[in-house]
Amino acid sequence: MSPSELRRADHPSVSARAVVAADISQVWAVISDISLPIEGSGELHAVEWVAPADGPAVGAVFLGHNRNDHMGEWTTTCTLVACDAPRSLRWAVNDPPLAWWGYELSSDASGTTVVQTFQLGPGMSGLDPLIEKYPEREHEFITGRFEQKRAEMAANLMMVGARLGVGVTPLDQ
């Protein structure tokens, strides 16, 4: 395995970036809606806040209901680990985290730059059984998963613009 290959133990990440032609507070209102990723996901199909949470705040918990043709159906417990309106939102998926998801926002005259990130965590994920069975293909499995996640995140960022009725300029080609 070369040093440039992705390894699960290194907790690699992938991101999608875009400029949304809207004020940062408008963009925040959309990205802080935990249902946004459903629209671009091939797995996530429902989300719900766990009482007493009813909106984003550090420590708030929500459930993510997922399904995949290869893995069946499962539910994850997500905990917000960062919530700095209107700049950043990040959550851990399960405990220990199998992944982290998040958004970073910044603004300038052209609009709001949004970076959505998916990072593999130390907890067991659906990739682990494949990697254990075929360790020589670890980089290939992670790269494939990241290609899927990058496409889903790009769709999410386009959906931000659609919900606001404004243009979106992808920064990743």
Protein backbone atom coordinates (compact mmCIF):
# COMPACT_ATOMS: atom_id res chain seq x y z
CA MET A 1 0.00 0.00 0.00
CA SER A 2 1.52 3.32 -1.03
CA PRO A 3 1.50 6.31 1.36
CA SER A 4 -1.09 8.10 -0.84
CA GLU A 5 -3.64 5.30 -0.53
CA LEU A 6 -6.64 5.81 1.70
CA ARG A 7 -6.63 3.75 4.88
CA ARG A 8 -9.55 3.33 7.27
CA ALA A 9 -7.27 3.73 10.30
CA ASP A 10 -6.33 7.26 9.14
CA HIS A 11 -9.98 8.47 9.30
CA PRO A 12 -9.89 9.94 5.78
CA SER A 13 -12.47 12.48 4.63
CA VAL A 14 -14.08 13.76 1.46
CA SER A 15 -15.78 17.11 0.82
CA ALA A 16 -17.91 18.94 -1.71
CA ARG A 17 -17.82 22.72 -2.04
CA ALA A 18 -20.08 25.27 -3.68
CA VAL A 19 -21.00 28.94 -3.60
CA VAL A 20 -24.69 29.56 -2.97
CA ALA A 21 -25.94 32.96 -4.17
CA ALA A 22 -27.62 33.80 -0.86
CA ASP A 23 -26.93 35.36 2.51
CA ILE A 24 -25.20 33.12 5.05
CA SER A 25 -28.21 33.23 7.41
CA GLN A 26 -30.51 31.95 4.64
CA VAL A 27 -28.07 29.16 3.82
CA TRP A 28 -27.74 28.28 7.51
CA ALA A 29 -31.51 27.88 7.79
CA VAL A 30 -31.38 25.24 5.05
CA ILE A 31 -28.25 23.31 6.06
CA SER A 32 -29.27 23.18 9.71
CA ASP A 33 -32.47 21.35 8.70
CA ILE A 34 -31.47 17.73 9.36
CA SER A 35 -33.77 16.53 6.57
CA LEU A 36 -31.64 18.18 3.84
CA PRO A 37 -29.34 15.16 3.26
CA ILE A 38 -32.33 12.91 2.53
CA GLU A 39 -32.86 14.60 -0.82
CA GLY A 40 -29.38 13.78 -2.13
CA SER A 41 -28.81 10.45 -0.42
CA GLY A 42 -29.13 6.97 -1.77
CA GLU A 43 -29.29 5.60 1.80
CA LEU A 44 -30.77 8.08 4.25
CA HIS A 45 -34.55 8.10 3.96
CA ALA A 46 -35.82 9.63 7.23
CA VAL A 47 -34.56 11.65 10.21
CA GLU A 48 -36.07 12.64 13.53
CA TRP A 49 -34.94 14.64 16.54
CA VAL A 50 -34.75 12.74 19.81
CA ALA A 51 -36.56 14.57 22.65
CA PRO A 52 -35.88 16.97 24.17
CA ALA A 53 -34.07 18.19 21.04
CA ASP A 54 -36.13 19.91 18.38
CA GLY A 55 -33.40 21.74 16.53
CA PRO A 56 -29.65 22.11 16.17
CA ALA A 57 -27.56 22.64 19.32
CA VAL A 58 -24.41 21.00 20.65
CA GLY A 59 -25.44 17.74 22.29
CA ALA A 60 -28.74 17.48 20.39
CA VAL A 61 -29.46 13.96 19.14
CA PHE A 62 -31.31 12.79 16.05
CA LEU A 63 -31.91 9.41 14.45
CA GLY A 64 -31.06 8.68 10.84
CA HIS A 65 -33.02 5.86 9.17
CA ASN A 66 -31.10 4.28 6.32
CA ARG A 67 -31.42 1.52 3.75
CA ASN A 68 -29.11 0.08 1.16
CA ASP A 69 -29.59 -2.84 -1.26
CA HIS A 70 -26.37 -4.47 -0.01
CA MET A 71 -26.74 -3.86 3.74
CA GLY A 72 -30.50 -3.77 4.39
CA GLU A 73 -31.99 -1.25 6.81
CA TRP A 74 -30.45 0.34 9.89
CA THR A 75 -30.79 3.34 12.18
CA THR A 76 -27.96 5.56 13.38
CA THR A 77 -27.86 7.83 16.42
CA CYS A 78 -26.32 11.17 15.54
CA THR A 79 -25.07 13.69 18.09
CA LEU A 80 -24.29 17.30 17.22
CA VAL A 81 -20.71 17.97 18.30
CA ALA A 82 -20.44 21.49 16.85
CA CYS A 83 -23.12 24.09 16.19
CA ASP A 84 -21.88 27.63 15.63
CA ALA A 85 -24.68 29.41 13.76
CA PRO A 86 -24.30 30.47 11.02
CA ARG A 87 -20.76 29.12 10.48
CA SER A 88 -20.50 25.40 11.28
CA LEU A 89 -22.53 22.30 12.02
CA ARG A 90 -20.99 18.88 12.68
CA TRP A 91 -22.36 15.61 14.00
CA ALA A 92 -20.99 12.22 14.99
CA VAL A 93 -22.75 9.10 13.72
CA ASN A 94 -23.05 6.55 16.54
CA ASP A 95 -20.70 6.17 19.51
CA PRO A 96 -17.88 5.56 18.89
CA PRO A 97 -18.42 7.46 15.64
CA LEU A 98 -18.43 5.38 12.49
CA ALA A 99 -18.36 8.75 10.70
CA TRP A 100 -18.67 12.49 11.13
CA TRP A 101 -20.66 14.78 8.85
CA GLY A 102 -20.51 18.53 8.78
CA TYR A 103 -20.90 21.87 7.07
CA GLU A 104 -18.65 24.93 7.14
CA LEU A 105 -19.99 28.24 5.83
CA SER A 106 -18.25 31.50 4.93
CA SER A 107 -19.55 34.51 3.07
CA ASP A 108 -18.35 37.22 0.75
CA ALA A 109 -19.82 39.43 -1.98
CA SER A 110 -20.48 36.42 -4.26
CA GLY A 111 -22.63 34.62 -1.69
CA THR A 112 -22.02 31.85 0.81
CA THR A 113 -19.37 29.20 0.33
CA VAL A 114 -20.53 25.89 1.77
CA VAL A 115 -18.22 22.94 2.39
CA GLN A 116 -19.89 19.66 3.31
CA THR A 117 -17.58 16.96 4.68
CA PHE A 118 -17.87 13.24 5.38
CA GLN A 119 -15.12 11.66 7.50
CA LEU A 120 -14.67 8.03 8.48
CA GLY A 121 -14.47 7.58 12.23
CA PRO A 122 -13.01 4.92 14.51
CA GLY A 123 -16.32 3.04 14.96
CA MET A 124 -17.30 0.06 12.84
CA SER A 125 -18.96 0.89 9.53
CA GLY A 126 -20.36 -1.07 6.62
CA LEU A 127 -16.93 -0.91 4.97
CA ASP A 128 -15.23 -2.88 7.72
CA PRO A 129 -16.44 -6.39 6.80
CA LEU A 130 -15.28 -5.85 3.21
CA ILE A 131 -11.91 -4.49 4.29
CA GLU A 132 -11.42 -7.38 6.72
CA LYS A 133 -12.23 -9.92 4.00
CA TYR A 134 -10.20 -8.18 1.26
CA PRO A 135 -7.55 -6.03 2.99
CA GLU A 136 -5.62 -5.53 -0.25
CA ARG A 137 -8.66 -3.65 -1.65
CA GLU A 138 -9.07 -1.21 1.27
CA HIS A 139 -8.16 1.85 -0.84
CA GLU A 140 -10.53 0.76 -3.60
CA PHE A 141 -13.45 0.31 -1.19
CA ILE A 142 -12.88 3.66 0.50
CA THR A 143 -12.43 5.44 -2.83
CA GLY A 144 -15.69 3.96 -4.12
CA ARG A 145 -17.55 5.00 -0.98
CA PHE A 146 -16.07 8.50 -1.19
CA GLU A 147 -17.12 8.87 -4.84
CA GLN A 148 -20.68 8.02 -3.80
CA LYS A 149 -20.59 10.43 -0.83
CA ARG A 150 -19.07 13.26 -2.91
CA ALA A 151 -21.90 12.92 -5.47
CA GLU A 152 -24.51 12.92 -2.68
CA MET A 153 -22.95 15.99 -1.06
CA ALA A 154 -22.84 17.82 -4.42
CA ALA A 155 -26.56 17.05 -4.79
CA ASN A 156 -27.17 18.38 -1.26
CA LEU A 157 -25.44 21.64 -2.09
CA MET A 158 -27.48 22.03 -5.27
CA MET A 159 -30.61 21.38 -3.17
CA VAL A 160 -29.66 24.29 -0.89
CA GLY A 161 -29.93 26.59 -3.88
CA ALA A 162 -33.15 24.95 -5.06
CA ARG A 163 -34.79 25.40 -1.65
CA LEU A 164 -33.77 29.07 -1.66
CA GLY A 165 -34.54 29.64 -5.34
CA VAL A 166 -30.98 30.85 -6.05
CA GLY A 167 -28.01 29.76 -8.12
CA VAL A 168 -25.26 27.43 -6.93
CA THR A 169 -21.74 27.31 -8.36
CA PRO A 170 -19.92 24.04 -7.62
CA LEU A 171 -16.27 24.56 -6.71
CA ASP A 172 -15.29 20.90 -7.17
CA GLN A 173 -15.20 19.59 -10.72
